[in-house]
Structures are given as C-alpha cells and as structure tokens.
PDB file of N, CA and C in Angstrom:
ATOM      1  N   UNK A   1      -8.381  -0.656  11.795  1.00  0.00           N
ATOM      2  CA  UNK A   1      -7.308  -0.265  11.701  1.00  0.00           C
ATOM      3  C   UNK A   1      -7.005   0.958  11.233  1.00  0.00           C
ATOM      4  N   UNK A   2      -6.145   1.915  12.488  1.00  0.00           N
ATOM      5  CA  UNK A   2      -5.834   3.570  12.543  1.00  0.00           C
ATOM      6  C   UNK A   2      -4.668   3.218  11.563  1.00  0.00           C
ATOM      7  N   UNK A   3      -4.355   4.442  10.853  1.00  0.00           N
ATOM      8  CA  UNK A   3      -3.288   4.473  10.163  1.00  0.00           C
ATOM      9  C   UNK A   3      -2.529   5.521  11.081  1.00  0.00           C
ATOM     10  N   UNK A   4      -1.074   4.469  10.637  1.00  0.00           N
ATOM     11  CA  UNK A   4       0.261   5.125  11.814  1.00  0.00           C
ATOM     12  C   UNK A   4       0.399   6.588  11.379  1.00  0.00           C
ATOM     13  N   UNK A   5       0.871   7.266  12.300  1.00  0.00           N
ATOM     14  CA  UNK A   5       1.585   8.705  11.776  1.00  0.00           C
ATOM     15  C   UNK A   5       3.092   8.686  11.230  1.00  0.00           C
ATOM     16  N   UNK A   6       3.466   9.744  10.971  1.00  0.00           N
ATOM     17  CA  UNK A   6       4.704   9.802  10.789  1.00  0.00           C
ATOM     18  C   UNK A   6       5.953   9.814  11.454  1.00  0.00           C
ATOM     19  N   UNK A   7       4.953  10.352  12.629  1.00  0.00           N
ATOM     20  CA  UNK A   7       6.222  10.290  13.603  1.00  0.00           C
ATOM     21  C   UNK A   7       6.702   8.817  14.411  1.00  0.00           C
ATOM     22  N   UNK A   8       5.176   7.778  14.385  1.00  0.00           N
ATOM     23  CA  UNK A   8       5.436   6.654  14.447  1.00  0.00           C
ATOM     24  C   UNK A   8       6.234   5.829  13.636  1.00  0.00           C
ATOM     25  N   UNK A   9       6.009   6.010  12.308  1.00  0.00           N
ATOM     26  CA  UNK A   9       6.779   5.502  11.653  1.00  0.00           C
ATOM     27  C   UNK A   9       8.533   6.032  11.675  1.00  0.00           C
ATOM     28  N   UNK A  10       8.294   6.955  11.980  1.00  0.00           N
ATOM     29  CA  UNK A  10       9.908   7.445  12.494  1.00  0.00           C
ATOM     30  C   UNK A  10      10.359   6.835  13.466  1.00  0.00           C
ATOM     31  N   UNK A  11       9.587   6.549  14.450  1.00  0.00           N
ATOM     32  CA  UNK A  11       9.904   5.773  15.484  1.00  0.00           C
ATOM     33  C   UNK A  11      10.380   4.196  15.330  1.00  0.00           C
ATOM     34  N   UNK A  12       9.484   3.658  14.337  1.00  0.00           N
ATOM     35  CA  UNK A  12       9.921   1.971  14.121  1.00  0.00           C
ATOM     36  C   UNK A  12      11.499   2.401  13.418  1.00  0.00           C
ATOM     37  N   UNK A  13      11.702   3.513  12.258  1.00  0.00           N
ATOM     38  CA  UNK A  13      13.044   3.418  11.697  1.00  0.00           C
ATOM     39  C   UNK A  13      13.946   3.853  12.834  1.00  0.00           C
ATOM     40  N   UNK A  14      13.727   4.497  13.590  1.00  0.00           N
ATOM     41  CA  UNK A  14      14.950   4.715  14.453  1.00  0.00           C
ATOM     42  C   UNK A  14      14.900   3.397  15.789  1.00  0.00           C
ATOM     43  N   UNK A  15      14.392   2.904  16.071  1.00  0.00           N
ATOM     44  CA  UNK A  15      14.607   1.342  16.769  1.00  0.00           C
ATOM     45  C   UNK A  15      15.136   0.753  15.963  1.00  0.00           C
ATOM     46  N   UNK A  16      14.665   0.283  14.812  1.00  0.00           N
ATOM     47  CA  UNK A  16      15.214  -0.621  13.859  1.00  0.00           C
ATOM     48  C   UNK A  16      16.539  -0.197  13.534  1.00  0.00           C
ATOM     49  N   UNK A  17      16.957   0.968  13.510  1.00  0.00           N
ATOM     50  CA  UNK A  17      18.432   1.524  13.087  1.00  0.00           C
ATOM     51  C   UNK A  17      18.818   1.102  14.437  1.00  0.00           C
ATOM     52  N   UNK A  18      18.472   1.134  15.700  1.00  0.00           N
ATOM     53  CA  UNK A  18      19.433   1.072  16.687  1.00  0.00           C
ATOM     54  C   UNK A  18      19.398  -0.674  17.011  1.00  0.00           C
ATOM     55  N   UNK A  19      18.998  -1.510  16.368  1.00  0.00           N
ATOM     56  CA  UNK A  19      19.301  -2.597  16.163  1.00  0.00           C
ATOM     57  C   UNK A  19      17.920  -3.432  16.966  1.00  0.00           C
ATOM     58  N   UNK A  20      17.129  -2.888  17.363  1.00  0.00           N
ATOM     59  CA  UNK A  20      15.784  -3.639  18.158  1.00  0.00           C
ATOM     60  C   UNK A  20      15.095  -4.586  17.078  1.00  0.00           C
ATOM     61  N   UNK A  21      14.801  -5.160  17.546  1.00  0.00           N
ATOM     62  CA  UNK A  21      13.977  -6.488  16.702  1.00  0.00           C
ATOM     63  C   UNK A  21      12.614  -6.088  16.824  1.00  0.00           C
ATOM     64  N   UNK A  22      11.411  -6.820  16.018  1.00  0.00           N
ATOM     65  CA  UNK A  22      10.021  -6.527  15.716  1.00  0.00           C
ATOM     66  C   UNK A  22       9.528  -6.512  17.107  1.00  0.00           C
ATOM     67  N   UNK A  23       9.231  -7.797  17.399  1.00  0.00           N
ATOM     68  CA  UNK A  23       8.390  -8.007  18.951  1.00  0.00           C
ATOM     69  C   UNK A  23       9.001  -6.620  19.963  1.00  0.00           C
ATOM     70  N   UNK A  24      10.079  -6.374  20.268  1.00  0.00           N
ATOM     71  CA  UNK A  24      10.505  -5.095  20.989  1.00  0.00           C
ATOM     72  C   UNK A  24      10.109  -3.622  20.668  1.00  0.00           C
ATOM     73  N   UNK A  25      10.365  -3.236  19.313  1.00  0.00           N
ATOM     74  CA  UNK A  25       9.694  -2.364  18.637  1.00  0.00           C
ATOM     75  C   UNK A  25       8.014  -2.052  19.118  1.00  0.00           C
ATOM     76  N   UNK A  26       7.479  -3.477  18.555  1.00  0.00           N
ATOM     77  CA  UNK A  26       6.220  -3.322  18.813  1.00  0.00           C
ATOM     78  C   UNK A  26       5.576  -3.448  20.351  1.00  0.00           C
ATOM     79  N   UNK A  27       6.499  -3.900  21.156  1.00  0.00           N
ATOM     80  CA  UNK A  27       5.572  -3.550  22.728  1.00  0.00           C
ATOM     81  C   UNK A  27       6.217  -2.178  23.042  1.00  0.00           C
ATOM     82  N   UNK A  28       7.716  -1.508  22.666  1.00  0.00           N
ATOM     83  CA  UNK A  28       7.677  -0.586  23.235  1.00  0.00           C
ATOM     84  C   UNK A  28       7.027   0.830  22.684  1.00  0.00           C
ATOM     85  N   UNK A  29       6.573   0.611  21.478  1.00  0.00           N
ATOM     86  CA  UNK A  29       5.610   1.984  20.531  1.00  0.00           C
ATOM     87  C   UNK A  29       3.943   1.289  20.754  1.00  0.00           C
ATOM     88  N   UNK A  30       4.014  -0.150  21.717  1.00  0.00           N
ATOM     89  CA  UNK A  30       2.166  -0.360  21.751  1.00  0.00           C
ATOM     90  C   UNK A  30       1.707  -0.440  20.423  1.00  0.00           C
ATOM     91  N   UNK A  31       2.270  -1.297  19.325  1.00  0.00           N
ATOM     92  CA  UNK A  31       1.599  -1.246  18.007  1.00  0.00           C
ATOM     93  C   UNK A  31       1.544  -2.553  18.024  1.00  0.00           C
ATOM     94  N   UNK A  32       0.567  -3.087  17.380  1.00  0.00           N
ATOM     95  CA  UNK A  32       0.325  -4.385  16.718  1.00  0.00           C
ATOM     96  C   UNK A  32       1.713  -5.024  16.048  1.00  0.00           C
ATOM     97  N   UNK A  33       2.169  -6.149  16.022  1.00  0.00           N
ATOM     98  CA  UNK A  33       3.613  -6.697  15.621  1.00  0.00           C
ATOM     99  C   UNK A  33       3.501  -7.150  14.309  1.00  0.00           C
ATOM    100  N   UNK A  34       2.324  -7.013  13.413  1.00  0.00           N
ATOM    101  CA  UNK A  34       2.321  -7.497  12.189  1.00  0.00           C
ATOM    102  C   UNK A  34       2.581  -5.718  11.326  1.00  0.00           C
ATOM    103  N   UNK A  35       2.104  -5.018  11.988  1.00  0.00           N
ATOM    104  CA  UNK A  35       2.359  -2.924  11.310  1.00  0.00           C
ATOM    105  C   UNK A  35       3.624  -3.027  11.688  1.00  0.00           C
ATOM    106  N   UNK A  36       4.404  -3.257  12.734  1.00  0.00           N
ATOM    107  CA  UNK A  36       5.885  -3.244  13.056  1.00  0.00           C
ATOM    108  C   UNK A  36       6.255  -3.911  11.598  1.00  0.00           C
ATOM    109  N   UNK A  37       6.086  -5.036  12.012  1.00  0.00           N
ATOM    110  CA  UNK A  37       6.643  -6.181  10.559  1.00  0.00           C
ATOM    111  C   UNK A  37       6.636  -5.157   9.038  1.00  0.00           C
ATOM    112  N   UNK A  38       5.349  -4.957   8.869  1.00  0.00           N
ATOM    113  CA  UNK A  38       4.928  -4.181   7.602  1.00  0.00           C
ATOM    114  C   UNK A  38       5.814  -2.935   7.411  1.00  0.00           C
ATOM    115  N   UNK A  39       6.115  -2.131   7.904  1.00  0.00           N
ATOM    116  CA  UNK A  39       6.553  -0.824   7.836  1.00  0.00           C
ATOM    117  C   UNK A  39       8.115  -0.952   8.258  1.00  0.00           C
ATOM    118  N   UNK A  40       8.752  -1.811   8.958  1.00  0.00           N
ATOM    119  CA  UNK A  40       9.936  -2.253   8.773  1.00  0.00           C
ATOM    120  C   UNK A  40      10.105  -2.735   7.449  1.00  0.00           C
ATOM    121  N   UNK A  41       9.643  -3.890   6.765  1.00  0.00           N
ATOM    122  CA  UNK A  41       9.790  -4.317   5.650  1.00  0.00           C
ATOM    123  C   UNK A  41      10.147  -2.647   4.427  1.00  0.00           C
ATOM    124  N   UNK A  42       9.112  -2.088   4.830  1.00  0.00           N
ATOM    125  CA  UNK A  42       8.936  -1.001   3.815  1.00  0.00           C
ATOM    126  C   UNK A  42      10.429  -0.034   3.862  1.00  0.00           C
ATOM    127  N   UNK A  43      10.436   0.217   5.155  1.00  0.00           N
ATOM    128  CA  UNK A  43      11.814   1.103   5.380  1.00  0.00           C
ATOM    129  C   UNK A  43      13.122   0.415   5.147  1.00  0.00           C
ATOM    130  N   UNK A  44      13.227  -0.666   5.215  1.00  0.00           N
ATOM    131  CA  UNK A  44      14.555  -1.802   5.005  1.00  0.00           C
ATOM    132  C   UNK A  44      14.734  -1.764   3.318  1.00  0.00           C
ATOM    133  N   UNK A  45      13.334  -1.345   2.495  1.00  0.00           N
ATOM    134  CA  UNK A  45      13.449  -1.297   1.214  1.00  0.00           C
ATOM    135  C   UNK A  45      13.387   0.484   0.400  1.00  0.00           C
ATOM    136  N   UNK A  46      13.559   1.022   1.528  1.00  0.00           N
ATOM    137  CA  UNK A  46      13.723   2.663   1.035  1.00  0.00           C
ATOM    138  C   UNK A  46      12.650   3.243   0.615  1.00  0.00           C
ATOM    139  N   UNK A  47      11.013   2.364   0.903  1.00  0.00           N
ATOM    140  CA  UNK A  47      10.046   2.812   0.594  1.00  0.00           C
ATOM    141  C   UNK A  47       9.525   4.301   1.209  1.00  0.00           C
ATOM    142  N   UNK A  48       8.534   4.757   0.626  1.00  0.00           N
ATOM    143  CA  UNK A  48       7.747   6.117   1.142  1.00  0.00           C
ATOM    144  C   UNK A  48       7.033   6.026   2.229  1.00  0.00           C
ATOM    145  N   UNK A  49       7.590   6.432   3.235  1.00  0.00           N
ATOM    146  CA  UNK A  49       6.885   6.103   4.540  1.00  0.00           C
ATOM    147  C   UNK A  49       5.610   6.992   4.837  1.00  0.00           C
ATOM    148  N   UNK A  50       5.327   8.205   3.908  1.00  0.00           N
ATOM    149  CA  UNK A  50       4.201   9.263   3.478  1.00  0.00           C
ATOM    150  C   UNK A  50       3.494   8.355   2.467  1.00  0.00           C
ATOM    151  N   UNK A  51       3.126   7.102   2.324  1.00  0.00           N
ATOM    152  CA  UNK A  51       2.295   6.879   1.075  1.00  0.00           C
ATOM    153  C   UNK A  51       1.030   7.112   1.790  1.00  0.00           C
ATOM    154  N   UNK A  52       0.392   7.374   0.666  1.00  0.00           N
ATOM    155  CA  UNK A  52      -1.515   7.492   0.992  1.00  0.00           C
ATOM    156  C   UNK A  52      -1.752   5.772   1.010  1.00  0.00           C
ATOM    157  N   UNK A  53      -3.177   5.676   2.193  1.00  0.00           N
ATOM    158  CA  UNK A  53      -3.653   4.199   1.483  1.00  0.00           C
ATOM    159  C   UNK A  53      -4.609   4.073   0.599  1.00  0.00           C
ATOM    160  N   UNK A  54      -5.188   3.328   0.315  1.00  0.00           N
ATOM    161  CA  UNK A  54      -5.972   3.022  -0.678  1.00  0.00           C
ATOM    162  C   UNK A  54      -5.342   2.856  -1.870  1.00  0.00           C
ATOM    163  N   UNK A  55      -6.672   2.869  -3.235  1.00  0.00           N
ATOM    164  CA  UNK A  55      -6.110   2.425  -4.888  1.00  0.00           C
ATOM    165  C   UNK A  55      -5.223   3.595  -5.141  1.00  0.00           C
ATOM    166  N   UNK A  56      -4.228   3.400  -5.624  1.00  0.00           N
ATOM    167  CA  UNK A  56      -3.222   4.141  -6.458  1.00  0.00           C
ATOM    168  C   UNK A  56      -4.157   5.438  -7.091  1.00  0.00           C
ATOM    169  N   UNK A  57      -3.913   6.651  -7.400  1.00  0.00           N
ATOM    170  CA  UNK A  57      -4.478   7.785  -8.029  1.00  0.00           C
ATOM    171  C   UNK A  57      -4.370   7.221  -9.513  1.00  0.00           C
ATOM    172  N   UNK A  58      -3.814   6.517  -9.846  1.00  0.00           N
ATOM    173  CA  UNK A  58      -4.062   6.625 -11.615  1.00  0.00           C
ATOM    174  C   UNK A  58      -5.155   5.744 -11.909  1.00  0.00           C
ATOM    175  N   UNK A  59      -5.763   4.757 -11.076  1.00  0.00           N
ATOM    176  CA  UNK A  59      -6.798   4.198 -11.279  1.00  0.00           C
ATOM    177  C   UNK A  59      -6.653   2.805 -11.529  1.00  0.00           C
ATOM    178  N   UNK A  60      -7.887   2.371 -11.955  1.00  0.00           N
ATOM    179  CA  UNK A  60      -8.130   0.680 -12.106  1.00  0.00           C
ATOM    180  C   UNK A  60      -7.541   0.266 -13.344  1.00  0.00           C
ATOM    181  N   UNK A  61      -6.699  -0.910 -13.387  1.00  0.00           N
ATOM    182  CA  UNK A  61      -6.075  -0.818 -14.955  1.00  0.00           C
ATOM    183  C   UNK A  61      -5.237   0.070 -15.635  1.00  0.00           C
ATOM    184  N   UNK A  62      -4.718   0.936 -15.002  1.00  0.00           N
ATOM    185  CA  UNK A  62      -3.754   1.625 -15.301  1.00  0.00           C
ATOM    186  C   UNK A  62      -2.972   1.562 -15.593  1.00  0.00           C
ATOM    187  N   UNK A  63      -2.244   0.095 -15.200  1.00  0.00           N
ATOM    188  CA  UNK A  63      -0.868  -0.613 -15.562  1.00  0.00           C
ATOM    189  C   UNK A  63      -0.754  -1.791 -16.649  1.00  0.00           C
ATOM    190  N   UNK A  64      -2.428  -1.741 -17.433  1.00  0.00           N
ATOM    191  CA  UNK A  64      -2.515  -2.857 -18.438  1.00  0.00           C
ATOM    192  C   UNK A  64      -2.543  -1.655 -19.511  1.00  0.00           C
ATOM    193  N   UNK A  65      -1.973  -2.995 -20.635  1.00  0.00           N
ATOM    194  CA  UNK A  65      -2.075  -2.125 -21.836  1.00  0.00           C
ATOM    195  C   UNK A  65      -3.456  -1.556 -22.687  1.00  0.00           C
ATOM    196  N   UNK A  66      -3.316  -0.889 -23.288  1.00  0.00           N
ATOM    197  CA  UNK A  66      -4.544   0.089 -24.002  1.00  0.00           C
ATOM    198  C   UNK A  66      -4.925  -1.095 -24.666  1.00  0.00           C
ATOM    199  N   UNK A  67      -4.598  -2.242 -25.395  1.00  0.00           N
ATOM    200  CA  UNK A  67      -5.460  -2.920 -26.256  1.00  0.00           C
ATOM    201  C   UNK A  67      -5.713  -4.161 -24.931  1.00  0.00           C
ATOM    202  N   UNK A  68      -5.700  -4.348 -24.144  1.00  0.00           N
ATOM    203  CA  UNK A  68      -6.809  -4.962 -23.184  1.00  0.00           C
ATOM    204  C   UNK A  68      -7.606  -3.857 -22.733  1.00  0.00           C
ATOM    205  N   UNK A  69      -7.317  -2.827 -22.384  1.00  0.00           N
ATOM    206  CA  UNK A  69      -8.396  -1.868 -22.248  1.00  0.00           C
ATOM    207  C   UNK A  69      -9.553  -1.587 -23.371  1.00  0.00           C
ATOM    208  N   UNK A  70      -9.206  -1.794 -24.422  1.00  0.00           N
ATOM    209  CA  UNK A  70     -10.170  -1.327 -25.280  1.00  0.00           C
ATOM    210  C   UNK A  70     -11.134  -2.579 -25.553  1.00  0.00           C
ATOM    211  N   UNK A  71     -10.046  -4.011 -25.480  1.00  0.00           N
ATOM    212  CA  UNK A  71     -11.191  -5.205 -25.233  1.00  0.00           C
ATOM    213  C   UNK A  71     -12.231  -5.038 -24.438  1.00  0.00           C
ATOM    214  N   UNK A  72     -11.968  -5.005 -22.998  1.00  0.00           N
ATOM    215  CA  UNK A  72     -12.821  -4.361 -21.976  1.00  0.00           C
ATOM    216  C   UNK A  72     -13.977  -3.741 -22.436  1.00  0.00           C
ATOM    217  N   UNK A  73     -13.628  -2.618 -23.046  1.00  0.00           N
ATOM    218  CA  UNK A  73     -14.757  -1.598 -23.710  1.00  0.00           C
ATOM    219  C   UNK A  73     -15.570  -2.168 -24.593  1.00  0.00           C
ATOM    220  N   UNK A  74     -15.086  -2.960 -25.693  1.00  0.00           N
ATOM    221  CA  UNK A  74     -15.526  -3.580 -26.324  1.00  0.00           C
ATOM    222  C   UNK A  74     -16.511  -4.932 -25.983  1.00  0.00           C
ATOM    223  N   UNK A  75     -16.216  -5.664 -24.974  1.00  0.00           N
ATOM    224  CA  UNK A  75     -16.957  -6.461 -24.433  1.00  0.00           C
ATOM    225  C   UNK A  75     -18.096  -6.061 -23.381  1.00  0.00           C
ATOM    226  N   UNK A  76     -17.809  -4.850 -22.968  1.00  0.00           N
ATOM    227  CA  UNK A  76     -18.687  -4.251 -21.690  1.00  0.00           C
ATOM    228  C   UNK A  76     -20.274  -3.890 -22.163  1.00  0.00           C
ATOM    229  N   UNK A  77     -20.153  -3.399 -23.511  1.00  0.00           N
ATOM    230  CA  UNK A  77     -21.677  -3.150 -23.994  1.00  0.00           C
ATOM    231  C   UNK A  77     -22.455  -4.552 -23.968  1.00  0.00           C
ATOM    232  N   UNK A  78     -22.090  -5.429 -24.336  1.00  0.00           N
ATOM    233  CA  UNK A  78     -22.841  -6.886 -24.421  1.00  0.00           C
ATOM    234  C   UNK A  78     -22.982  -7.236 -23.330  1.00  0.00           C
ATOM    235  N   UNK A  79     -22.149  -7.299 -22.405  1.00  0.00           N
ATOM    236  CA  UNK A  79     -22.727  -7.777 -21.210  1.00  0.00           C
ATOM    237  C   UNK A  79     -22.428  -7.056 -19.811  1.00  0.00           C
ATOM    238  N   UNK A  80     -23.652  -6.499 -19.628  1.00  0.00           N
ATOM    239  CA  UNK A  80     -23.958  -5.468 -18.938  1.00  0.00           C
ATOM    240  C   UNK A  80     -23.018  -5.966 -17.282  1.00  0.00           C
ATOM    241  N   UNK A  81     -22.212  -5.123 -16.755  1.00  0.00           N
ATOM    242  CA  UNK A  81     -21.740  -5.662 -15.393  1.00  0.00           C
ATOM    243  C   UNK A  81     -20.544  -6.074 -15.793  1.00  0.00           C
ATOM    244  N   UNK A  82     -19.810  -6.224 -17.120  1.00  0.00           N
ATOM    245  CA  UNK A  82     -18.475  -6.820 -17.108  1.00  0.00           C
ATOM    246  C   UNK A  82     -17.082  -6.270 -17.295  1.00  0.00           C
ATOM    247  N   UNK A  83     -16.536  -6.550 -16.286  1.00  0.00           N
ATOM    248  CA  UNK A  83     -15.276  -5.892 -16.506  1.00  0.00           C
ATOM    249  C   UNK A  83     -15.302  -4.759 -15.575  1.00  0.00           C
ATOM    250  N   UNK A  84     -14.092  -4.233 -15.149  1.00  0.00           N
ATOM    251  CA  UNK A  84     -13.810  -2.713 -14.356  1.00  0.00           C
ATOM    252  C   UNK A  84     -14.414  -1.411 -15.197  1.00  0.00           C
ATOM    253  N   UNK A  85     -14.976  -0.516 -14.493  1.00  0.00           N
ATOM    254  CA  UNK A  85     -15.169   0.505 -15.302  1.00  0.00           C
ATOM    255  C   UNK A  85     -13.845   1.601 -15.538  1.00  0.00           C
ATOM    256  N   UNK A  86     -13.621   1.834 -16.476  1.00  0.00           N
ATOM    257  CA  UNK A  86     -12.500   2.692 -17.185  1.00  0.00           C
ATOM    258  C   UNK A  86     -12.820   4.108 -16.879  1.00  0.00           C
ATOM    259  N   UNK A  87     -12.242   4.976 -16.467  1.00  0.00           N
ATOM    260  CA  UNK A  87     -12.096   6.333 -16.806  1.00  0.00           C
ATOM    261  C   UNK A  87     -11.403   6.579 -18.239  1.00  0.00           C
ATOM    262  N   UNK A  88     -12.577   7.577 -18.611  1.00  0.00           N
ATOM    263  CA  UNK A  88     -11.673   8.468 -19.887  1.00  0.00           C
ATOM    264  C   UNK A  88     -10.828   9.464 -20.242  1.00  0.00           C
TER     265      UNK A  88
END
C-alpha cells in the first residue's frame, strides 16, 4: 500500500468540506474507499495529516508505567525471549 501524499490528503479534506461523500471522493481521486474513510475520520477529528507511518518514535512500552518496565527487566533474564526489548 502506498502512502498518500499531503496533496492527496488535502484533496480529501477539500472534497469533504464541499459536502462530497466518501465513495464519490474515492472515485474522483482514484483511491481505495477504506483509505478515504480513514483519512476522512482523521481530518474530521482534527488529526495530523502529515503524521509518519510506523511505530511511535517514543518506542515500545513507552506509555507503560515504570514499575511494569522494571518487572519485565526482572523476568527477562530468567526466561530468554520473554517480553519486549526496552531501550535504556
């Protein structure tokens, strides 16, 4: 699946503001309906239209409490391969 350009996302936004429905936008821009729906919802919620794809930059388990990360570090040596790797 190719990543949409900012121009394509702006086109979706303009067509939504003009009152067009998702199927009409998908047909006009020659895009997948699900892709248009996804970006339409992001746009309606005021989300970042230029957000990068992939894992968050903060890393795995970044939103977890420190005590949980400490427990993972405690158990990992006794059971190789258990738990996600943490960046120090």
